Amino acid sequence: MGNIIIGTEAVATGVVTRHELQRWYRPIYRNVHAPKVPAPTLRDRAEGAWLYSQRAGILTGLAAAALHGSAWIDDDIDVELIYKCPRPPTGIIARNERIAPDEWQALSGIPVTTPTRTAYDLGRFRPDHEALGRLDALMRARPYSIDDVTALTLRYKGARGVARLKALLPYIDGGAESPRESWWRKLVIDSGFPTPATQIQVVDENGAHVRFVDFGWPDFLVAFEYDGDHHQSSRAQYLKDRRVLPELRRLNWHVTAVVKEDDPVLVINRLNAAMRARGWRGTVQIPSYAYAARHRAEIAARQEKFE
């Protein structure tokens, strides 16, 4: 606290002069300033948004998730506040929502929704293609009770987005290591496969650790691995993958490995063939090619920021 200031307040109390304010600070919101160097972080912008609200707002959404330690959140996201403000400035999303005293806490002096309330808001307001990934990432960083989130859906029955959130709650799993991995897991479940386990430890015949696979079905020895950019850009990771895959095959594991550009239709067909070869006899709904086209468009539009 202290690097971000309300301009008029700081000048009036002698924290800075008008000249120092103009020379050393930059406005991030109206009358809210941050030092010119270094560039404001998400933490700085979140504090600035709270100051903009005259210290009346409560941080929620992705900004709150980031302050709770959730990963995969960019510094330039819009900061969401529970705060009545019909015309918030660019960079702030104000939500005129009810919130009870047990649904927020102070983090470094800033009011922030609890992990449970943060999950409640993420599941209601994030786009469908990323909501589960955000909920998984928050669960990984700050475990919360699904029952407690469900209790909030009853407390605010009929609130915007509650039905969407309730549909996601059974699938939240803090074992997911990236939002895109969560996306693939949800697609697999929606396609008709059994709910997979996450972060499965594979050991050899002597009980020695071989690898944790992203998710899969130990009863069928079928694993699903999502290879993000770090697998392709890191030589060390690439070599590690090359060395472990033959060992997984020797242990009779079938691994379906995908990258972000893979066509969901082809991937589900491959996974279906692998599961049936191992004795699974369920019914699969193959995604439509329109769904696959939307997936490819989404990847292109987001420029891979949501890995």
C-alpha atoms as a PDB file:
ATOM      1  CA  MET A   1       0.000   0.000   0.000  1.00  0.00           C
ATOM      2  CA  GLY A   2       1.156   3.548  -0.618  1.00  0.00           C
ATOM      3  CA  ASN A   3       2.571   3.524  -4.156  1.00  0.00           C
ATOM      4  CA  ILE A   4      -0.863   4.138  -5.675  1.00  0.00           C
ATOM      5  CA  ILE A   5      -2.397   7.461  -4.676  1.00  0.00           C
ATOM      6  CA  ILE A   6      -5.484   9.589  -5.115  1.00  0.00           C
ATOM      7  CA  GLY A   7      -3.995  12.695  -6.723  1.00  0.00           C
ATOM      8  CA  THR A   8      -5.974  15.441  -5.022  1.00  0.00           C
ATOM      9  CA  GLU A   9      -5.774  13.697  -1.665  1.00  0.00           C
ATOM     10  CA  ALA A  10      -1.992  13.197  -1.904  1.00  0.00           C
ATOM     11  CA  VAL A  11      -1.423  16.850  -2.834  1.00  0.00           C
ATOM     12  CA  ALA A  12      -3.745  18.113  -0.085  1.00  0.00           C
ATOM     13  CA  THR A  13      -1.967  16.072   2.597  1.00  0.00           C
ATOM     14  CA  GLY A  14       1.530  16.927   1.362  1.00  0.00           C
ATOM     15  CA  VAL A  15       2.477  13.426   0.211  1.00  0.00           C
ATOM     16  CA  VAL A  16       3.494  14.938  -3.154  1.00  0.00           C
ATOM     17  CA  THR A  17       3.468  18.367  -4.743  1.00  0.00           C
ATOM     18  CA  ARG A  18       1.554  19.047  -7.942  1.00  0.00           C
ATOM     19  CA  HIS A  19       4.866  19.186  -9.782  1.00  0.00           C
ATOM     20  CA  GLU A  20       5.977  15.812  -8.370  1.00  0.00           C
ATOM     21  CA  LEU A  21       2.584  14.298  -9.220  1.00  0.00           C
ATOM     22  CA  GLN A  22       2.921  15.380 -12.853  1.00  0.00           C
ATOM     23  CA  ARG A  23       6.588  14.441 -13.144  1.00  0.00           C
ATOM     24  CA  TRP A  24       6.766  11.092 -11.360  1.00  0.00           C
ATOM     25  CA  TYR A  25       3.261   9.649 -11.601  1.00  0.00           C
ATOM     26  CA  ARG A  26       0.874   8.504 -14.312  1.00  0.00           C
ATOM     27  CA  PRO A  27      -2.929   8.413 -14.085  1.00  0.00           C
ATOM     28  CA  ILE A  28      -4.365   4.909 -14.192  1.00  0.00           C
ATOM     29  CA  TYR A  29      -7.951   5.981 -13.459  1.00  0.00           C
ATOM     30  CA  ARG A  30      -9.446   9.419 -13.025  1.00  0.00           C
ATOM     31  CA  ASN A  31      -7.600  11.109 -10.125  1.00  0.00           C
ATOM     32  CA  VAL A  32      -5.810   7.833  -9.270  1.00  0.00           C
ATOM     33  CA  HIS A  33      -2.086   7.708 -10.017  1.00  0.00           C
ATOM     34  CA  ALA A  34       0.731   5.167 -10.060  1.00  0.00           C
ATOM     35  CA  PRO A  35       4.501   5.746 -10.354  1.00  0.00           C
ATOM     36  CA  LYS A  36       5.620   6.034 -13.987  1.00  0.00           C
ATOM     37  CA  VAL A  37       8.305   3.400 -13.397  1.00  0.00           C
ATOM     38  CA  PRO A  38       7.838   0.499 -13.233  1.00  0.00           C
ATOM     39  CA  ALA A  39       4.643  -0.144 -15.190  1.00  0.00           C
ATOM     40  CA  PRO A  40       1.605  -0.795 -12.966  1.00  0.00           C
ATOM     41  CA  THR A  41       1.013  -4.421 -12.077  1.00  0.00           C
ATOM     42  CA  LEU A  42      -2.421  -5.998 -11.714  1.00  0.00           C
ATOM     43  CA  ARG A  43      -1.990  -5.566  -7.950  1.00  0.00           C
ATOM     44  CA  ASP A  44      -1.392  -1.831  -8.520  1.00  0.00           C
ATOM     45  CA  ARG A  45      -4.407  -1.507 -10.815  1.00  0.00           C
ATOM     46  CA  ALA A  46      -6.585  -3.419  -8.346  1.00  0.00           C
ATOM     47  CA  GLU A  47      -5.576  -1.072  -5.543  1.00  0.00           C
ATOM     48  CA  GLY A  48      -6.188   1.872  -7.859  1.00  0.00           C
ATOM     49  CA  ALA A  49      -9.669   0.635  -8.716  1.00  0.00           C
ATOM     50  CA  TRP A  50     -10.474   0.354  -5.015  1.00  0.00           C
ATOM     51  CA  LEU A  51      -9.196   3.906  -4.427  1.00  0.00           C
ATOM     52  CA  TYR A  52     -11.262   5.094  -7.401  1.00  0.00           C
ATOM     53  CA  SER A  53     -14.341   3.716  -5.630  1.00  0.00           C
ATOM     54  CA  GLN A  54     -13.512   6.018  -2.692  1.00  0.00           C
ATOM     55  CA  ARG A  55     -12.505   2.877  -0.808  1.00  0.00           C
ATOM     56  CA  ALA A  56     -16.093   1.606  -0.979  1.00  0.00           C
ATOM     57  CA  GLY A  57     -15.744  -1.214  -3.534  1.00  0.00           C
ATOM     58  CA  ILE A  58     -14.809  -4.859  -2.997  1.00  0.00           C
ATOM     59  CA  LEU A  59     -12.528  -6.600  -5.490  1.00  0.00           C
ATOM     60  CA  THR A  60     -13.946  -9.686  -7.142  1.00  0.00           C
ATOM     61  CA  GLY A  61     -13.541 -11.777 -10.297  1.00  0.00           C
ATOM     62  CA  LEU A  62     -10.129 -12.322 -11.849  1.00  0.00           C
ATOM     63  CA  ALA A  63      -8.444  -9.547  -9.859  1.00  0.00           C
ATOM     64  CA  ALA A  64      -9.577 -11.179  -6.613  1.00  0.00           C
ATOM     65  CA  ALA A  65      -8.492 -14.598  -7.891  1.00  0.00           C
ATOM     66  CA  ALA A  66      -5.043 -13.194  -8.699  1.00  0.00           C
ATOM     67  CA  LEU A  67      -4.684 -11.721  -5.210  1.00  0.00           C
ATOM     68  CA  HIS A  68      -5.579 -15.145  -3.813  1.00  0.00           C
ATOM     69  CA  GLY A  69      -2.692 -16.609  -5.844  1.00  0.00           C
ATOM     70  CA  SER A  70      -4.536 -17.927  -8.888  1.00  0.00           C
ATOM     71  CA  ALA A  71      -2.323 -18.335 -11.970  1.00  0.00           C
ATOM     72  CA  TRP A  72      -2.820 -17.562 -15.677  1.00  0.00           C
ATOM     73  CA  ILE A  73      -4.142 -14.032 -15.134  1.00  0.00           C
ATOM     74  CA  ASP A  74      -2.728 -11.162 -17.209  1.00  0.00           C
ATOM     75  CA  ASP A  75      -1.846  -7.773 -15.749  1.00  0.00           C
ATOM     76  CA  ASP A  76      -4.022  -5.915 -18.273  1.00  0.00           C
ATOM     77  CA  ILE A  77      -7.401  -7.493 -17.429  1.00  0.00           C
ATOM     78  CA  ASP A  78     -10.318  -5.289 -16.415  1.00  0.00           C
ATOM     79  CA  VAL A  79     -10.606  -5.032 -12.625  1.00  0.00           C
ATOM     80  CA  GLU A  80     -14.006  -6.124 -11.305  1.00  0.00           C
ATOM     81  CA  LEU A  81     -15.485  -4.397  -8.269  1.00  0.00           C
ATOM     82  CA  ILE A  82     -18.683  -4.969  -6.330  1.00  0.00           C
ATOM     83  CA  TYR A  83     -19.575  -1.302  -6.348  1.00  0.00           C
ATOM     84  CA  LYS A  84     -22.487   0.774  -7.553  1.00  0.00           C
ATOM     85  CA  CYS A  85     -21.150   2.913 -10.387  1.00  0.00           C
ATOM     86  CA  PRO A  86     -23.291   3.330 -13.531  1.00  0.00           C
ATOM     87  CA  ARG A  87     -20.382   4.571 -15.665  1.00  0.00           C
ATOM     88  CA  PRO A  88     -17.064   3.158 -14.487  1.00  0.00           C
ATOM     89  CA  PRO A  89     -13.895   4.224 -16.319  1.00  0.00           C
ATOM     90  CA  THR A  90     -12.124   2.058 -18.856  1.00  0.00           C
ATOM     91  CA  GLY A  91     -10.378  -0.790 -17.058  1.00  0.00           C
ATOM     92  CA  ILE A  92     -12.955  -1.151 -14.274  1.00  0.00           C
ATOM     93  CA  ILE A  93     -16.088  -3.308 -14.306  1.00  0.00           C
ATOM     94  CA  ALA A  94     -18.516  -2.285 -11.565  1.00  0.00           C
ATOM     95  CA  ARG A  95     -21.113  -4.812 -10.443  1.00  0.00           C
ATOM     96  CA  ASN A  96     -24.032  -3.593  -8.352  1.00  0.00           C
ATOM     97  CA  GLU A  97     -24.381  -6.848  -6.408  1.00  0.00           C
ATOM     98  CA  ARG A  98     -25.367  -7.866  -2.921  1.00  0.00           C
ATOM     99  CA  ILE A  99     -22.550  -9.173  -0.732  1.00  0.00           C
ATOM    100  CA  ALA A 100     -22.643 -10.302   2.904  1.00  0.00           C
ATOM    101  CA  PRO A 101     -19.939  -9.566   5.491  1.00  0.00           C
ATOM    102  CA  ASP A 102     -18.795 -13.204   5.499  1.00  0.00           C
ATOM    103  CA  GLU A 103     -18.096 -13.078   1.748  1.00  0.00           C
ATOM    104  CA  TRP A 104     -15.111 -10.711   1.768  1.00  0.00           C
ATOM    105  CA  GLN A 105     -11.845 -10.245   3.597  1.00  0.00           C
ATOM    106  CA  ALA A 106      -8.966  -7.763   3.701  1.00  0.00           C
ATOM    107  CA  LEU A 107      -5.803  -8.674   1.786  1.00  0.00           C
ATOM    108  CA  SER A 108      -2.961  -6.209   2.319  1.00  0.00           C
ATOM    109  CA  GLY A 109      -5.535  -3.653   3.361  1.00  0.00           C
ATOM    110  CA  ILE A 110      -7.804  -4.067   0.329  1.00  0.00           C
ATOM    111  CA  PRO A 111     -11.313  -5.606   0.571  1.00  0.00           C
ATOM    112  CA  VAL A 112     -11.346  -8.761  -1.587  1.00  0.00           C
ATOM    113  CA  THR A 113     -14.018 -11.419  -2.004  1.00  0.00           C
ATOM    114  CA  THR A 114     -13.252 -14.688  -0.213  1.00  0.00           C
ATOM    115  CA  PRO A 115     -12.196 -17.652  -2.366  1.00  0.00           C
ATOM    116  CA  THR A 116     -15.762 -18.985  -2.106  1.00  0.00           C
ATOM    117  CA  ARG A 117     -17.396 -15.730  -3.230  1.00  0.00           C
ATOM    118  CA  THR A 118     -14.698 -15.273  -5.881  1.00  0.00           C
ATOM    119  CA  ALA A 119     -15.574 -18.705  -7.283  1.00  0.00           C
ATOM    120  CA  TYR A 120     -19.265 -17.795  -7.189  1.00  0.00           C
ATOM    121  CA  ASP A 121     -18.590 -14.674  -9.277  1.00  0.00           C
ATOM    122  CA  LEU A 122     -16.091 -16.299 -11.665  1.00  0.00           C
ATOM    123  CA  GLY A 123     -18.529 -19.073 -12.533  1.00  0.00           C
ATOM    124  CA  ARG A 124     -21.333 -16.606 -13.200  1.00  0.00           C
ATOM    125  CA  PHE A 125     -19.519 -13.948 -15.202  1.00  0.00           C
ATOM    126  CA  ARG A 126     -16.592 -15.539 -17.059  1.00  0.00           C
ATOM    127  CA  PRO A 127     -17.233 -16.729 -20.641  1.00  0.00           C
ATOM    128  CA  ASP A 128     -18.272 -20.366 -20.942  1.00  0.00           C
ATOM    129  CA  HIS A 129     -15.062 -21.454 -22.661  1.00  0.00           C
ATOM    130  CA  GLU A 130     -12.877 -20.294 -19.766  1.00  0.00           C
ATOM    131  CA  ALA A 131     -15.044 -20.408 -16.634  1.00  0.00           C
ATOM    132  CA  LEU A 132     -14.095 -23.924 -15.562  1.00  0.00           C
ATOM    133  CA  GLY A 133     -10.405 -23.215 -16.083  1.00  0.00           C
ATOM    134  CA  ARG A 134     -10.637 -20.159 -13.839  1.00  0.00           C
ATOM    135  CA  LEU A 135     -12.498 -22.111 -11.160  1.00  0.00           C
ATOM    136  CA  ASP A 136      -9.946 -24.948 -11.321  1.00  0.00           C
ATOM    137  CA  ALA A 137      -7.022 -22.513 -11.068  1.00  0.00           C
ATOM    138  CA  LEU A 138      -8.530 -20.823  -8.014  1.00  0.00           C
ATOM    139  CA  MET A 139      -9.188 -24.208  -6.399  1.00  0.00           C
ATOM    140  CA  ARG A 140      -5.542 -25.137  -6.997  1.00  0.00           C
ATOM    141  CA  ALA A 141      -4.299 -21.893  -5.412  1.00  0.00           C
ATOM    142  CA  ARG A 142      -6.808 -21.505  -2.566  1.00  0.00           C
ATOM    143  CA  PRO A 143      -8.989 -24.597  -2.045  1.00  0.00           C
ATOM    144  CA  TYR A 144     -12.608 -23.742  -1.372  1.00  0.00           C
ATOM    145  CA  SER A 145     -15.694 -25.804  -0.584  1.00  0.00           C
ATOM    146  CA  ILE A 146     -18.053 -26.638  -3.439  1.00  0.00           C
ATOM    147  CA  ASP A 147     -20.795 -26.944  -0.813  1.00  0.00           C
ATOM    148  CA  ASP A 148     -20.092 -23.367   0.311  1.00  0.00           C
ATOM    149  CA  VAL A 149     -20.373 -22.117  -3.279  1.00  0.00           C
ATOM    150  CA  THR A 150     -23.616 -24.042  -3.633  1.00  0.00           C
ATOM    151  CA  ALA A 151     -24.856 -22.330  -0.459  1.00  0.00           C
ATOM    152  CA  LEU A 152     -24.257 -18.960  -2.127  1.00  0.00           C
ATOM    153  CA  THR A 153     -26.372 -20.018  -5.110  1.00  0.00           C
ATOM    154  CA  LEU A 154     -29.191 -20.619  -2.627  1.00  0.00           C
ATOM    155  CA  ARG A 155     -28.513 -17.390  -0.732  1.00  0.00           C
ATOM    156  CA  TYR A 156     -28.822 -15.450  -3.992  1.00  0.00           C
ATOM    157  CA  LYS A 157     -31.320 -17.662  -5.764  1.00  0.00           C
ATOM    158  CA  GLY A 158     -32.232 -16.252  -9.154  1.00  0.00           C
ATOM    159  CA  ALA A 159     -29.122 -14.065  -9.443  1.00  0.00           C
ATOM    160  CA  ARG A 160     -27.601 -13.582 -12.876  1.00  0.00           C
ATOM    161  CA  GLY A 161     -25.505 -16.529 -14.041  1.00  0.00           C
ATOM    162  CA  VAL A 162     -26.369 -18.885 -11.176  1.00  0.00           C
ATOM    163  CA  ALA A 163     -27.655 -21.628 -13.489  1.00  0.00           C
ATOM    164  CA  ARG A 164     -24.418 -21.525 -15.490  1.00  0.00           C
ATOM    165  CA  LEU A 165     -22.348 -21.734 -12.306  1.00  0.00           C
ATOM    166  CA  LYS A 166     -24.347 -24.665 -10.915  1.00  0.00           C
ATOM    167  CA  ALA A 167     -23.757 -26.585 -14.148  1.00  0.00           C
ATOM    168  CA  LEU A 168     -19.988 -26.205 -13.677  1.00  0.00           C
ATOM    169  CA  LEU A 169     -19.718 -27.051  -9.982  1.00  0.00           C
ATOM    170  CA  PRO A 170     -19.576 -30.875 -10.393  1.00  0.00           C
ATOM    171  CA  TYR A 171     -16.546 -30.569 -12.695  1.00  0.00           C
ATOM    172  CA  ILE A 172     -14.269 -28.311 -10.632  1.00  0.00           C
ATOM    173  CA  ASP A 173     -10.928 -30.000  -9.969  1.00  0.00           C
ATOM    174  CA  GLY A 174      -7.884 -28.283  -8.531  1.00  0.00           C
ATOM    175  CA  GLY A 175      -5.655 -30.900 -10.131  1.00  0.00           C
ATOM    176  CA  ALA A 176      -5.789 -29.112 -13.476  1.00  0.00           C
ATOM    177  CA  GLU A 177      -2.486 -27.403 -14.275  1.00  0.00           C
ATOM    178  CA  SER A 178      -3.715 -25.003 -16.951  1.00  0.00           C
ATOM    179  CA  PRO A 179      -7.013 -23.497 -18.127  1.00  0.00           C
ATOM    180  CA  ARG A 180      -6.727 -25.229 -21.505  1.00  0.00           C
ATOM    181  CA  GLU A 181      -6.321 -28.545 -19.731  1.00  0.00           C
ATOM    182  CA  SER A 182      -9.597 -27.789 -17.909  1.00  0.00           C
ATOM    183  CA  TRP A 183     -11.222 -27.001 -21.258  1.00  0.00           C
ATOM    184  CA  TRP A 184     -10.226 -30.363 -22.696  1.00  0.00           C
ATOM    185  CA  ARG A 185     -11.348 -32.202 -19.557  1.00  0.00           C
ATOM    186  CA  LYS A 186     -14.792 -30.602 -19.758  1.00  0.00           C
ATOM    187  CA  LEU A 187     -15.051 -31.470 -23.465  1.00  0.00           C
ATOM    188  CA  VAL A 188     -14.161 -35.095 -22.705  1.00  0.00           C
ATOM    189  CA  ILE A 189     -16.862 -35.309 -20.025  1.00  0.00           C
ATOM    190  CA  ASP A 190     -19.448 -33.574 -22.210  1.00  0.00           C
ATOM    191  CA  SER A 191     -18.657 -36.065 -24.982  1.00  0.00           C
ATOM    192  CA  GLY A 192     -19.784 -38.944 -22.760  1.00  0.00           C
ATOM    193  CA  PHE A 193     -16.580 -40.331 -21.252  1.00  0.00           C
ATOM    194  CA  PRO A 194     -16.467 -41.118 -17.522  1.00  0.00           C
ATOM    195  CA  THR A 195     -15.258 -38.279 -15.310  1.00  0.00           C
ATOM    196  CA  PRO A 196     -11.467 -38.650 -15.343  1.00  0.00           C
ATOM    197  CA  ALA A 197      -9.079 -38.466 -12.425  1.00  0.00           C
ATOM    198  CA  THR A 198      -6.499 -35.666 -12.522  1.00  0.00           C
ATOM    199  CA  GLN A 199      -2.768 -35.687 -11.836  1.00  0.00           C
ATOM    200  CA  ILE A 200      -2.518 -39.473 -11.872  1.00  0.00           C
ATOM    201  CA  GLN A 201       0.754 -40.820 -10.579  1.00  0.00           C
ATOM    202  CA  VAL A 202       2.153 -43.592 -12.766  1.00  0.00           C
ATOM    203  CA  VAL A 203       4.651 -45.916 -11.108  1.00  0.00           C
ATOM    204  CA  ASP A 204       6.644 -48.809 -12.510  1.00  0.00           C
ATOM    205  CA  GLU A 205       6.566 -52.429 -11.384  1.00  0.00           C
ATOM    206  CA  ASN A 206       8.917 -51.561  -8.503  1.00  0.00           C
ATOM    207  CA  GLY A 207       6.749 -48.693  -7.294  1.00  0.00           C
ATOM    208  CA  ALA A 208       9.145 -46.032  -8.595  1.00  0.00           C
ATOM    209  CA  HIS A 209       7.594 -42.782  -9.809  1.00  0.00           C
ATOM    210  CA  VAL A 210       7.458 -42.436 -13.593  1.00  0.00           C
ATOM    211  CA  ARG A 211       5.214 -39.432 -14.231  1.00  0.00           C
ATOM    212  CA  PHE A 212       2.088 -37.559 -13.234  1.00  0.00           C
ATOM    213  CA  VAL A 213      -0.279 -37.547 -16.229  1.00  0.00           C
ATOM    214  CA  ASP A 214      -2.728 -34.648 -16.630  1.00  0.00           C
ATOM    215  CA  PHE A 215      -5.893 -36.719 -16.407  1.00  0.00           C
ATOM    216  CA  GLY A 216      -7.206 -40.099 -17.402  1.00  0.00           C
ATOM    217  CA  TRP A 217      -8.757 -43.393 -16.400  1.00  0.00           C
ATOM    218  CA  PRO A 218      -6.459 -45.688 -14.383  1.00  0.00           C
ATOM    219  CA  ASP A 219      -8.874 -48.603 -14.677  1.00  0.00           C
ATOM    220  CA  PHE A 220      -8.351 -48.550 -18.446  1.00  0.00           C
ATOM    221  CA  LEU A 221      -4.721 -47.341 -18.383  1.00  0.00           C
ATOM    222  CA  VAL A 222      -5.671 -44.456 -20.677  1.00  0.00           C
ATOM    223  CA  ALA A 223      -4.172 -41.016 -20.100  1.00  0.00           C
ATOM    224  CA  PHE A 224      -4.805 -37.601 -21.641  1.00  0.00           C
ATOM    225  CA  GLU A 225      -1.949 -35.092 -21.806  1.00  0.00           C
ATOM    226  CA  TYR A 226      -2.268 -31.447 -22.850  1.00  0.00           C
ATOM    227  CA  ASP A 227       1.048 -30.062 -24.055  1.00  0.00           C
ATOM    228  CA  GLY A 228       1.061 -26.275 -23.690  1.00  0.00           C
ATOM    229  CA  ASP A 229       3.596 -23.875 -25.154  1.00  0.00           C
ATOM    230  CA  HIS A 230       6.138 -24.655 -22.430  1.00  0.00           C
ATOM    231  CA  HIS A 231       6.387 -28.225 -23.740  1.00  0.00           C
ATOM    232  CA  GLN A 232       7.272 -26.936 -27.205  1.00  0.00           C
ATOM    233  CA  SER A 233       9.479 -23.988 -26.257  1.00  0.00           C
ATOM    234  CA  SER A 234      11.492 -25.710 -23.506  1.00  0.00           C
ATOM    235  CA  ARG A 235      14.179 -28.072 -24.727  1.00  0.00           C
ATOM    236  CA  ALA A 236      14.432 -29.681 -21.284  1.00  0.00           C
ATOM    237  CA  GLN A 237      10.676 -30.377 -21.188  1.00  0.00           C
ATOM    238  CA  TYR A 238      10.758 -31.743 -24.726  1.00  0.00           C
ATOM    239  CA  LEU A 239      13.543 -34.187 -23.863  1.00  0.00           C
ATOM    240  CA  LYS A 240      11.791 -35.206 -20.649  1.00  0.00           C
ATOM    241  CA  ASP A 241       8.612 -35.984 -22.603  1.00  0.00           C
ATOM    242  CA  ARG A 242      10.513 -38.027 -25.176  1.00  0.00           C
ATOM    243  CA  ARG A 243      12.173 -40.135 -22.510  1.00  0.00           C
ATOM    244  CA  VAL A 244       9.070 -40.868 -20.447  1.00  0.00           C
ATOM    245  CA  LEU A 245       6.574 -41.755 -23.197  1.00  0.00           C
ATOM    246  CA  PRO A 246       8.255 -45.072 -24.123  1.00  0.00           C
ATOM    247  CA  GLU A 247       8.228 -46.004 -20.426  1.00  0.00           C
ATOM    248  CA  LEU A 248       4.490 -45.263 -20.222  1.00  0.00           C
ATOM    249  CA  ARG A 249       3.894 -47.466 -23.266  1.00  0.00           C
ATOM    250  CA  ARG A 250       5.981 -50.244 -21.716  1.00  0.00           C
ATOM    251  CA  LEU A 251       3.744 -50.044 -18.655  1.00  0.00           C
ATOM    252  CA  ASN A 252       0.745 -50.507 -20.991  1.00  0.00           C
ATOM    253  CA  TRP A 253      -0.535 -46.920 -20.729  1.00  0.00           C
ATOM    254  CA  HIS A 254      -2.133 -45.407 -23.810  1.00  0.00           C
ATOM    255  CA  VAL A 255      -1.484 -41.651 -23.917  1.00  0.00           C
ATOM    256  CA  THR A 256      -3.605 -39.283 -26.002  1.00  0.00           C
ATOM    257  CA  ALA A 257      -1.450 -36.163 -26.282  1.00  0.00           C
ATOM    258  CA  VAL A 258      -2.868 -32.914 -27.670  1.00  0.00           C
ATOM    259  CA  VAL A 259      -1.686 -29.384 -28.383  1.00  0.00           C
ATOM    260  CA  LYS A 260      -3.762 -26.232 -28.610  1.00  0.00           C
ATOM    261  CA  GLU A 261      -4.204 -26.432 -32.386  1.00  0.00           C
ATOM    262  CA  ASP A 262      -5.624 -29.976 -32.401  1.00  0.00           C
ATOM    263  CA  ASP A 263      -9.097 -30.492 -33.836  1.00  0.00           C
ATOM    264  CA  PRO A 264     -11.515 -31.540 -31.053  1.00  0.00           C
ATOM    265  CA  VAL A 265     -13.395 -33.867 -33.409  1.00  0.00           C
ATOM    266  CA  LEU A 266     -10.262 -35.830 -34.273  1.00  0.00           C
ATOM    267  CA  VAL A 267      -9.086 -35.888 -30.657  1.00  0.00           C
ATOM    268  CA  ILE A 268     -12.387 -37.285 -29.340  1.00  0.00           C
ATOM    269  CA  ASN A 269     -12.370 -39.928 -32.078  1.00  0.00           C
ATOM    270  CA  ARG A 270      -8.824 -40.954 -31.097  1.00  0.00           C
ATOM    271  CA  LEU A 271      -9.718 -41.086 -27.424  1.00  0.00           C
ATOM    272  CA  ASN A 272     -12.859 -43.101 -28.166  1.00  0.00           C
ATOM    273  CA  ALA A 273     -10.798 -45.658 -30.089  1.00  0.00           C
ATOM    274  CA  ALA A 274      -8.282 -45.918 -27.246  1.00  0.00           C
ATOM    275  CA  MET A 275     -10.928 -46.372 -24.563  1.00  0.00           C
ATOM    276  CA  ARG A 276     -12.801 -49.005 -26.568  1.00  0.00           C
ATOM    277  CA  ALA A 277      -9.577 -50.894 -27.214  1.00  0.00           C
ATOM    278  CA  ARG A 278      -9.184 -51.065 -23.419  1.00  0.00           C
ATOM    279  CA  GLY A 279     -12.684 -52.386 -22.826  1.00  0.00           C
ATOM    280  CA  TRP A 280     -14.835 -49.296 -22.240  1.00  0.00           C
ATOM    281  CA  ARG A 281     -18.289 -49.620 -23.803  1.00  0.00           C
ATOM    282  CA  GLY A 282     -19.936 -46.271 -23.196  1.00  0.00           C
ATOM    283  CA  THR A 283     -21.605 -43.991 -25.734  1.00  0.00           C
ATOM    284  CA  VAL A 284     -19.741 -40.980 -27.090  1.00  0.00           C
ATOM    285  CA  GLN A 285     -21.198 -37.847 -28.656  1.00  0.00           C
ATOM    286  CA  ILE A 286     -18.593 -36.645 -31.141  1.00  0.00           C
ATOM    287  CA  PRO A 287     -18.382 -32.815 -31.218  1.00  0.00           C
ATOM    288  CA  SER A 288     -19.781 -31.232 -34.358  1.00  0.00           C
ATOM    289  CA  TYR A 289     -17.442 -29.739 -36.914  1.00  0.00           C
ATOM    290  CA  ALA A 290     -19.077 -26.391 -36.171  1.00  0.00           C
ATOM    291  CA  TYR A 291     -17.864 -26.821 -32.583  1.00  0.00           C
ATOM    292  CA  ALA A 292     -14.369 -27.562 -33.850  1.00  0.00           C
ATOM    293  CA  ALA A 293     -14.476 -24.478 -36.066  1.00  0.00           C
ATOM    294  CA  ARG A 294     -15.444 -22.321 -33.083  1.00  0.00           C
ATOM    295  CA  HIS A 295     -12.547 -23.844 -31.139  1.00  0.00           C
ATOM    296  CA  ARG A 296     -10.060 -22.921 -33.854  1.00  0.00           C
ATOM    297  CA  ALA A 297     -11.495 -19.392 -34.106  1.00  0.00           C
ATOM    298  CA  GLU A 298     -11.262 -18.994 -30.344  1.00  0.00           C
ATOM    299  CA  ILE A 299      -7.604 -20.050 -30.352  1.00  0.00           C
ATOM    300  CA  ALA A 300      -6.798 -17.569 -33.101  1.00  0.00           C
ATOM    301  CA  ALA A 301      -8.738 -14.716 -31.493  1.00  0.00           C
ATOM    302  CA  ARG A 302      -7.188 -15.084 -28.064  1.00  0.00           C
ATOM    303  CA  GLN A 303      -3.612 -15.230 -29.389  1.00  0.00           C
ATOM    304  CA  GLU A 304      -2.954 -18.110 -27.005  1.00  0.00           C
ATOM    305  CA  LYS A 305      -3.082 -15.846 -23.901  1.00  0.00           C
ATOM    306  CA  PHE A 306      -5.390 -18.325 -22.178  1.00  0.00           C
ATOM    307  CA  GLU A 307      -3.108 -21.346 -22.194  1.00  0.00           C
END
